[in-house]
Amino acid sequence: MSVSTERLLDIASRVTDPEIPVLTIEDLGILRSVQQDTEGTVHVTITPTYSGCPAMDAITEDLGIAFREEGFEKVRVNLVLSPAWTTDWMTESGKAKLEEYGIAPPTGKGHRGPVTLGLAVKCPRCHSLNTKELSRFGSTSCKAFYSCKDCLEPFDYFKVLS
């Protein structure tokens, strides 16, 4: 049974991130490719947000379930670390979903080399730029923990990674 790449991408892109369930793996930018070989095995390539990301096992299992529910019995998920994931791969829709969920999305583009300018992080609740980093690492390594000095609410910020 050979199906179109678009159909396979549609199935894979519905899988959500277990840590941030409002984001799909497509929104997050970790879904790299999907294809079916001549023997019917579906090959899905994903890149973790960082090499030790604990969500990869759950995402791999969820991809298998999603494809089996659509009639594909043979699914192989490949984790690729190079090139390394960057927040530049996140979709604009995904960034908007993050903000609606209460997590400040990454701002700007990934960079190489030293950072010489610190930018304010906008509060996802009241949109104030009067915020403060409380911890470089939040609920997961890819997020930092901030608080808003205006509305006094704490929030996660999805760090710009390149």
N, C-alpha and C. Protein backbone atom coordinates (compact mmCIF):
# COMPACT_ATOMS: atom_id res chain seq x y z
N MET A 1 0.86 -1.18 0.00
CA MET A 1 0.00 0.00 0.00
C MET A 1 0.90 1.24 0.00
N SER A 2 0.93 1.93 -1.10
CA SER A 2 1.72 3.15 -1.21
C SER A 2 0.79 4.35 -1.16
N VAL A 3 1.12 5.31 -0.33
CA VAL A 3 0.31 6.50 -0.20
C VAL A 3 1.18 7.73 -0.41
N SER A 4 0.54 8.85 -0.59
CA SER A 4 1.27 10.08 -0.86
C SER A 4 2.02 10.57 0.38
N THR A 5 3.09 11.28 0.13
CA THR A 5 3.86 11.90 1.20
C THR A 5 2.99 12.87 1.99
N GLU A 6 2.09 13.57 1.30
CA GLU A 6 1.19 14.52 1.97
C GLU A 6 0.32 13.81 2.99
N ARG A 7 -0.18 12.63 2.64
CA ARG A 7 -1.03 11.85 3.56
C ARG A 7 -0.22 11.43 4.79
N LEU A 8 1.01 10.97 4.56
CA LEU A 8 1.87 10.56 5.67
C LEU A 8 2.21 11.75 6.57
N LEU A 9 2.50 12.88 5.96
CA LEU A 9 2.80 14.09 6.74
C LEU A 9 1.58 14.52 7.55
N ASP A 10 0.39 14.37 6.96
CA ASP A 10 -0.83 14.74 7.67
C ASP A 10 -0.99 13.90 8.93
N ILE A 11 -0.72 12.62 8.84
CA ILE A 11 -0.85 11.73 10.01
C ILE A 11 0.19 12.12 11.07
N ALA A 12 1.45 12.25 10.65
CA ALA A 12 2.53 12.56 11.60
C ALA A 12 2.35 13.93 12.24
N SER A 13 1.88 14.87 11.45
CA SER A 13 1.79 16.25 11.96
C SER A 13 0.67 16.44 12.99
N ARG A 14 -0.17 15.44 13.18
CA ARG A 14 -1.22 15.52 14.20
C ARG A 14 -0.73 15.10 15.59
N VAL A 15 0.45 14.49 15.65
CA VAL A 15 1.00 14.04 16.94
C VAL A 15 1.42 15.27 17.74
N THR A 16 1.02 15.30 19.01
CA THR A 16 1.33 16.45 19.85
C THR A 16 2.54 16.19 20.74
N ASP A 17 3.12 17.27 21.20
CA ASP A 17 4.24 17.21 22.13
C ASP A 17 3.68 16.84 23.51
N PRO A 18 4.23 15.82 24.18
CA PRO A 18 3.67 15.43 25.47
C PRO A 18 3.91 16.45 26.58
N GLU A 19 4.89 17.31 26.43
CA GLU A 19 5.18 18.32 27.45
C GLU A 19 4.38 19.60 27.24
N ILE A 20 4.06 19.88 25.98
CA ILE A 20 3.27 21.07 25.64
C ILE A 20 2.18 20.61 24.67
N PRO A 21 1.09 20.06 25.18
CA PRO A 21 0.10 19.38 24.34
C PRO A 21 -0.64 20.27 23.34
N VAL A 22 -0.49 21.59 23.42
CA VAL A 22 -1.13 22.43 22.42
C VAL A 22 -0.30 22.51 21.13
N LEU A 23 0.93 21.99 21.18
CA LEU A 23 1.82 22.01 20.01
C LEU A 23 1.89 20.64 19.37
N THR A 24 1.83 20.61 18.05
CA THR A 24 2.11 19.37 17.34
C THR A 24 3.61 19.31 17.11
N ILE A 25 4.07 18.13 16.71
CA ILE A 25 5.51 18.02 16.43
C ILE A 25 5.87 18.82 15.17
N GLU A 26 4.88 19.07 14.33
CA GLU A 26 5.11 19.95 13.18
C GLU A 26 5.25 21.41 13.65
N ASP A 27 4.35 21.86 14.55
CA ASP A 27 4.45 23.21 15.10
C ASP A 27 5.82 23.44 15.74
N LEU A 28 6.28 22.43 16.46
CA LEU A 28 7.53 22.53 17.19
C LEU A 28 8.74 22.51 16.25
N GLY A 29 8.54 21.98 15.06
CA GLY A 29 9.64 21.93 14.09
C GLY A 29 10.55 20.74 14.24
N ILE A 30 10.09 19.72 14.98
CA ILE A 30 10.94 18.54 15.14
C ILE A 30 10.63 17.45 14.11
N LEU A 31 9.52 17.56 13.40
CA LEU A 31 9.17 16.61 12.35
C LEU A 31 9.97 16.96 11.11
N ARG A 32 10.89 16.09 10.72
CA ARG A 32 11.78 16.39 9.60
C ARG A 32 11.28 15.80 8.28
N SER A 33 10.87 14.53 8.31
CA SER A 33 10.40 13.92 7.06
C SER A 33 9.60 12.66 7.38
N VAL A 34 8.79 12.27 6.40
CA VAL A 34 8.01 11.04 6.47
C VAL A 34 7.99 10.44 5.08
N GLN A 35 8.27 9.15 5.01
CA GLN A 35 8.19 8.47 3.72
C GLN A 35 7.86 7.00 3.93
N GLN A 36 7.38 6.37 2.88
CA GLN A 36 7.06 4.95 2.94
C GLN A 36 7.96 4.23 1.96
N ASP A 37 8.58 3.13 2.39
CA ASP A 37 9.45 2.39 1.47
C ASP A 37 8.62 1.40 0.65
N THR A 38 9.27 0.70 -0.24
CA THR A 38 8.58 -0.21 -1.16
C THR A 38 7.95 -1.40 -0.45
N GLU A 39 8.37 -1.68 0.78
CA GLU A 39 7.78 -2.79 1.54
C GLU A 39 6.67 -2.33 2.47
N GLY A 40 6.31 -1.04 2.41
CA GLY A 40 5.20 -0.52 3.18
C GLY A 40 5.56 0.05 4.55
N THR A 41 6.83 0.01 4.92
CA THR A 41 7.23 0.57 6.22
C THR A 41 7.26 2.09 6.13
N VAL A 42 6.65 2.73 7.10
CA VAL A 42 6.66 4.19 7.17
C VAL A 42 7.88 4.60 7.99
N HIS A 43 8.68 5.48 7.44
CA HIS A 43 9.87 6.00 8.12
C HIS A 43 9.62 7.46 8.47
N VAL A 44 9.69 7.77 9.77
CA VAL A 44 9.49 9.13 10.25
C VAL A 44 10.81 9.59 10.85
N THR A 45 11.26 10.77 10.44
CA THR A 45 12.49 11.33 10.98
C THR A 45 12.14 12.54 11.82
N ILE A 46 12.63 12.52 13.07
CA ILE A 46 12.40 13.63 13.98
C ILE A 46 13.74 14.05 14.59
N THR A 47 13.82 15.32 14.99
CA THR A 47 15.00 15.85 15.67
C THR A 47 14.56 16.37 17.03
N PRO A 48 15.18 15.87 18.10
CA PRO A 48 14.79 16.37 19.43
C PRO A 48 15.20 17.82 19.62
N THR A 49 14.50 18.50 20.51
CA THR A 49 14.84 19.90 20.79
C THR A 49 16.22 19.99 21.43
N TYR A 50 16.64 18.96 22.13
CA TYR A 50 18.01 18.82 22.62
C TYR A 50 18.28 17.33 22.79
N SER A 51 19.53 16.93 22.81
CA SER A 51 19.88 15.51 22.73
C SER A 51 19.34 14.66 23.88
N GLY A 52 19.08 15.23 25.04
CA GLY A 52 18.56 14.47 26.16
C GLY A 52 17.08 14.65 26.39
N CYS A 53 16.34 15.13 25.41
CA CYS A 53 14.92 15.43 25.58
C CYS A 53 14.14 14.17 25.96
N PRO A 54 13.52 14.17 27.15
CA PRO A 54 12.79 12.98 27.60
C PRO A 54 11.49 12.73 26.84
N ALA A 55 11.03 13.67 26.06
CA ALA A 55 9.77 13.51 25.33
C ALA A 55 9.90 12.62 24.09
N MET A 56 11.12 12.34 23.65
CA MET A 56 11.31 11.58 22.41
C MET A 56 10.70 10.19 22.47
N ASP A 57 10.81 9.50 23.61
CA ASP A 57 10.22 8.16 23.72
C ASP A 57 8.70 8.22 23.57
N ALA A 58 8.07 9.19 24.23
CA ALA A 58 6.62 9.32 24.13
C ALA A 58 6.20 9.71 22.71
N ILE A 59 6.95 10.60 22.07
CA ILE A 59 6.63 11.01 20.70
C ILE A 59 6.78 9.84 19.75
N THR A 60 7.84 9.05 19.93
CA THR A 60 8.05 7.87 19.09
C THR A 60 6.88 6.90 19.23
N GLU A 61 6.45 6.65 20.46
CA GLU A 61 5.31 5.77 20.71
C GLU A 61 4.03 6.35 20.11
N ASP A 62 3.81 7.65 20.29
CA ASP A 62 2.61 8.30 19.75
C ASP A 62 2.57 8.26 18.22
N LEU A 63 3.73 8.39 17.58
CA LEU A 63 3.78 8.28 16.12
C LEU A 63 3.39 6.87 15.68
N GLY A 64 3.90 5.87 16.37
CA GLY A 64 3.52 4.48 16.04
C GLY A 64 2.03 4.27 16.17
N ILE A 65 1.45 4.77 17.25
CA ILE A 65 0.00 4.64 17.48
C ILE A 65 -0.78 5.35 16.37
N ALA A 66 -0.37 6.58 16.05
CA ALA A 66 -1.08 7.37 15.03
C ALA A 66 -1.10 6.65 13.69
N PHE A 67 0.03 6.08 13.30
CA PHE A 67 0.08 5.39 12.01
C PHE A 67 -0.66 4.05 12.05
N ARG A 68 -0.57 3.33 13.15
CA ARG A 68 -1.30 2.06 13.25
C ARG A 68 -2.81 2.30 13.21
N GLU A 69 -3.28 3.40 13.84
CA GLU A 69 -4.71 3.72 13.78
C GLU A 69 -5.17 4.03 12.36
N GLU A 70 -4.24 4.42 11.51
CA GLU A 70 -4.57 4.71 10.11
C GLU A 70 -4.26 3.52 9.19
N GLY A 71 -3.93 2.36 9.78
CA GLY A 71 -3.73 1.14 9.00
C GLY A 71 -2.30 0.84 8.60
N PHE A 72 -1.33 1.57 9.10
CA PHE A 72 0.08 1.31 8.80
C PHE A 72 0.69 0.54 9.95
N GLU A 73 0.97 -0.73 9.71
CA GLU A 73 1.46 -1.59 10.79
C GLU A 73 2.96 -1.45 11.04
N LYS A 74 3.71 -1.13 10.00
CA LYS A 74 5.16 -1.05 10.16
C LYS A 74 5.59 0.42 10.16
N VAL A 75 6.07 0.89 11.32
CA VAL A 75 6.49 2.28 11.47
C VAL A 75 7.87 2.29 12.12
N ARG A 76 8.74 3.05 11.55
CA ARG A 76 10.09 3.19 12.09
C ARG A 76 10.38 4.67 12.31
N VAL A 77 10.71 5.05 13.54
CA VAL A 77 11.00 6.44 13.87
C VAL A 77 12.51 6.57 14.05
N ASN A 78 13.09 7.51 13.30
CA ASN A 78 14.52 7.75 13.37
C ASN A 78 14.77 9.10 14.02
N LEU A 79 15.62 9.11 15.04
CA LEU A 79 16.02 10.36 15.68
C LEU A 79 17.32 10.84 15.03
N VAL A 80 17.30 12.07 14.56
CA VAL A 80 18.46 12.65 13.91
C VAL A 80 18.91 13.86 14.72
N LEU A 81 20.18 13.89 15.09
CA LEU A 81 20.70 14.98 15.91
C LEU A 81 21.40 16.07 15.10
N SER A 82 21.66 15.79 13.84
CA SER A 82 22.38 16.77 13.01
C SER A 82 21.63 16.98 11.71
N PRO A 83 21.34 18.22 11.34
CA PRO A 83 21.68 19.42 12.09
C PRO A 83 20.84 19.51 13.35
N ALA A 84 21.39 20.18 14.34
CA ALA A 84 20.71 20.33 15.62
C ALA A 84 19.45 21.18 15.45
N TRP A 85 18.42 20.82 16.22
CA TRP A 85 17.16 21.57 16.19
C TRP A 85 17.40 23.01 16.61
N THR A 86 16.64 23.90 16.03
CA THR A 86 16.67 25.31 16.37
C THR A 86 15.25 25.84 16.47
N THR A 87 15.04 26.82 17.32
CA THR A 87 13.71 27.41 17.43
C THR A 87 13.29 28.09 16.13
N ASP A 88 14.23 28.32 15.24
CA ASP A 88 13.89 28.87 13.93
C ASP A 88 12.96 27.92 13.16
N TRP A 89 12.97 26.65 13.52
CA TRP A 89 12.13 25.65 12.83
C TRP A 89 10.70 25.65 13.34
N MET A 90 10.41 26.34 14.42
CA MET A 90 9.04 26.40 14.93
C MET A 90 8.17 27.21 13.96
N THR A 91 6.93 26.79 13.80
CA THR A 91 6.02 27.52 12.93
C THR A 91 5.49 28.76 13.65
N GLU A 92 5.08 29.74 12.88
CA GLU A 92 4.47 30.93 13.48
C GLU A 92 3.18 30.55 14.21
N SER A 93 2.46 29.60 13.65
CA SER A 93 1.25 29.10 14.31
C SER A 93 1.60 28.47 15.65
N GLY A 94 2.67 27.72 15.69
CA GLY A 94 3.12 27.11 16.94
C GLY A 94 3.50 28.14 17.98
N LYS A 95 4.17 29.20 17.56
CA LYS A 95 4.55 30.27 18.49
C LYS A 95 3.30 30.96 19.04
N ALA A 96 2.30 31.14 18.19
CA ALA A 96 1.04 31.75 18.65
C ALA A 96 0.33 30.82 19.65
N LYS A 97 0.34 29.52 19.38
CA LYS A 97 -0.28 28.56 20.30
C LYS A 97 0.43 28.57 21.66
N LEU A 98 1.75 28.69 21.64
CA LEU A 98 2.51 28.78 22.89
C LEU A 98 2.04 29.96 23.73
N GLU A 99 1.94 31.11 23.07
CA GLU A 99 1.55 32.32 23.79
C GLU A 99 0.14 32.19 24.35
N GLU A 100 -0.78 31.63 23.56
CA GLU A 100 -2.15 31.42 24.04
C GLU A 100 -2.19 30.47 25.23
N TYR A 101 -1.27 29.54 25.27
CA TYR A 101 -1.18 28.54 26.33
C TYR A 101 -0.54 29.10 27.60
N GLY A 102 0.09 30.27 27.47
CA GLY A 102 0.71 30.90 28.63
C GLY A 102 2.22 30.76 28.70
N ILE A 103 2.84 30.32 27.60
CA ILE A 103 4.30 30.22 27.52
C ILE A 103 4.77 31.25 26.51
N ALA A 104 5.70 32.09 26.92
CA ALA A 104 6.24 33.09 26.00
C ALA A 104 7.02 32.38 24.90
N PRO A 105 6.68 32.62 23.64
CA PRO A 105 7.39 31.96 22.55
C PRO A 105 8.78 32.56 22.36
N PRO A 106 9.66 31.83 21.67
CA PRO A 106 10.98 32.39 21.39
C PRO A 106 10.84 33.64 20.53
N THR A 107 11.68 34.60 20.79
CA THR A 107 11.66 35.83 20.01
C THR A 107 12.94 35.92 19.21
N GLY A 108 12.85 36.45 18.02
CA GLY A 108 14.04 36.59 17.18
C GLY A 108 14.42 35.28 16.54
N LYS A 109 15.59 35.28 15.95
CA LYS A 109 16.13 34.11 15.26
C LYS A 109 17.31 33.57 16.04
N GLY A 110 17.61 32.30 15.81
CA GLY A 110 18.78 31.70 16.43
C GLY A 110 20.03 32.42 15.96
N HIS A 111 21.08 32.29 16.71
CA HIS A 111 22.30 33.01 16.40
C HIS A 111 23.50 32.10 16.61
N ARG A 112 24.60 32.53 16.11
CA ARG A 112 25.88 31.85 16.32
C ARG A 112 26.83 32.86 16.94
N GLY A 113 27.64 32.42 17.86
CA GLY A 113 28.61 33.32 18.46
C GLY A 113 28.08 33.99 19.70
N PRO A 114 28.85 34.95 20.24
CA PRO A 114 28.47 35.60 21.49
C PRO A 114 27.22 36.47 21.35
N VAL A 115 26.47 36.55 22.42
CA VAL A 115 25.30 37.41 22.46
C VAL A 115 25.72 38.71 23.13
N THR A 116 25.49 39.81 22.46
CA THR A 116 25.92 41.08 23.02
C THR A 116 24.75 41.95 23.45
N LEU A 117 23.53 41.50 23.19
CA LEU A 117 22.37 42.32 23.49
C LEU A 117 21.32 41.46 24.18
N GLY A 118 20.82 41.92 25.31
CA GLY A 118 19.75 41.22 25.98
C GLY A 118 18.42 41.83 25.56
N LEU A 119 17.46 40.99 25.24
CA LEU A 119 16.15 41.47 24.81
C LEU A 119 15.11 41.15 25.88
N ALA A 120 14.14 41.99 25.98
CA ALA A 120 13.05 41.75 26.94
C ALA A 120 12.16 40.62 26.44
N VAL A 121 11.63 39.87 27.38
CA VAL A 121 10.70 38.80 27.07
C VAL A 121 9.30 39.29 27.42
N LYS A 122 8.39 39.20 26.45
CA LYS A 122 7.03 39.69 26.63
C LYS A 122 6.19 38.70 27.43
N CYS A 123 5.47 39.19 28.42
CA CYS A 123 4.57 38.37 29.22
C CYS A 123 3.44 37.84 28.31
N PRO A 124 3.19 36.53 28.32
CA PRO A 124 2.13 35.99 27.46
C PRO A 124 0.73 36.32 27.96
N ARG A 125 0.60 36.81 29.18
CA ARG A 125 -0.72 37.12 29.74
C ARG A 125 -1.11 38.58 29.50
N CYS A 126 -0.24 39.52 29.95
CA CYS A 126 -0.61 40.94 29.83
C CYS A 126 0.21 41.67 28.76
N HIS A 127 1.15 40.97 28.14
CA HIS A 127 1.98 41.48 27.04
C HIS A 127 2.96 42.58 27.46
N SER A 128 3.21 42.71 28.74
CA SER A 128 4.18 43.68 29.24
C SER A 128 5.59 43.19 28.94
N LEU A 129 6.48 44.14 28.70
CA LEU A 129 7.90 43.82 28.55
C LEU A 129 8.65 43.99 29.87
N ASN A 130 7.93 44.32 30.92
CA ASN A 130 8.51 44.53 32.24
C ASN A 130 8.58 43.17 32.96
N THR A 131 9.50 42.31 32.48
CA THR A 131 9.62 40.95 32.99
C THR A 131 11.04 40.70 33.51
N LYS A 132 11.17 39.63 34.27
CA LYS A 132 12.46 39.31 34.88
C LYS A 132 12.68 37.80 34.82
N GLU A 133 13.89 37.40 34.43
CA GLU A 133 14.24 35.99 34.46
C GLU A 133 14.47 35.55 35.90
N LEU A 134 13.75 34.50 36.32
CA LEU A 134 13.93 33.95 37.66
C LEU A 134 14.90 32.78 37.67
N SER A 135 14.86 32.00 36.59
CA SER A 135 15.75 30.85 36.47
C SER A 135 16.03 30.58 35.00
N ARG A 136 17.27 30.32 34.66
CA ARG A 136 17.64 30.04 33.27
C ARG A 136 16.98 28.77 32.76
N PHE A 137 16.61 27.87 33.69
CA PHE A 137 15.95 26.63 33.30
C PHE A 137 14.59 26.55 33.97
N GLY A 138 13.56 26.32 33.16
CA GLY A 138 12.20 26.24 33.66
C GLY A 138 11.77 24.81 33.84
N SER A 139 10.53 24.50 33.48
CA SER A 139 9.98 23.16 33.67
C SER A 139 10.68 22.12 32.80
N THR A 140 11.30 22.57 31.71
CA THR A 140 12.15 21.71 30.89
C THR A 140 13.39 22.52 30.51
N SER A 141 14.41 21.83 30.04
CA SER A 141 15.67 22.52 29.72
C SER A 141 15.55 23.52 28.59
N CYS A 142 14.55 23.37 27.73
CA CYS A 142 14.41 24.29 26.61
C CYS A 142 13.62 25.55 26.98
N LYS A 143 13.22 25.64 28.26
CA LYS A 143 12.48 26.82 28.70
C LYS A 143 13.19 27.48 29.88
N ALA A 144 13.00 28.78 30.02
CA ALA A 144 13.46 29.54 31.18
C ALA A 144 12.23 29.96 31.97
N PHE A 145 12.42 30.31 33.23
CA PHE A 145 11.30 30.70 34.07
C PHE A 145 11.38 32.20 34.35
N TYR A 146 10.30 32.91 34.04
CA TYR A 146 10.24 34.37 34.17
C TYR A 146 9.07 34.77 35.06
N SER A 147 9.07 36.03 35.45
CA SER A 147 7.89 36.59 36.09
C SER A 147 7.66 37.98 35.50
N CYS A 148 6.40 38.38 35.53
CA CYS A 148 6.01 39.69 35.02
C CYS A 148 5.92 40.64 36.21
N LYS A 149 6.57 41.77 36.10
CA LYS A 149 6.55 42.75 37.19
C LYS A 149 5.25 43.57 37.19
N ASP A 150 4.49 43.51 36.10
CA ASP A 150 3.23 44.26 36.04
C ASP A 150 2.05 43.43 36.54
N CYS A 151 1.83 42.26 35.95
CA CYS A 151 0.68 41.45 36.39
C CYS A 151 1.06 40.46 37.48
N LEU A 152 2.36 40.35 37.78
CA LEU A 152 2.90 39.52 38.85
C LEU A 152 2.77 38.02 38.61
N GLU A 153 2.48 37.62 37.38
CA GLU A 153 2.32 36.21 37.07
C GLU A 153 3.66 35.60 36.63
N PRO A 154 3.95 34.39 37.08
CA PRO A 154 5.12 33.68 36.58
C PRO A 154 4.78 33.00 35.25
N PHE A 155 5.78 32.77 34.41
CA PHE A 155 5.53 32.09 33.15
C PHE A 155 6.81 31.48 32.62
N ASP A 156 6.65 30.45 31.78
CA ASP A 156 7.77 29.85 31.07
C ASP A 156 8.04 30.65 29.81
N TYR A 157 9.31 30.70 29.44
CA TYR A 157 9.73 31.31 28.16
C TYR A 157 10.48 30.24 27.38
N PHE A 158 10.02 29.97 26.18
CA PHE A 158 10.67 29.00 25.32
C PHE A 158 11.90 29.67 24.73
N LYS A 159 13.09 29.28 25.19
CA LYS A 159 14.33 29.95 24.82
C LYS A 159 14.63 29.81 23.33
N VAL A 160 15.27 30.85 22.78
CA VAL A 160 15.76 30.79 21.41
C VAL A 160 16.97 29.88 21.41
N LEU A 161 16.90 28.83 20.63
CA LEU A 161 18.01 27.88 20.52
C LEU A 161 18.43 27.78 19.07
N SER A 162 19.71 27.74 18.86
CA SER A 162 20.18 27.56 17.49
C SER A 162 21.26 26.53 17.44
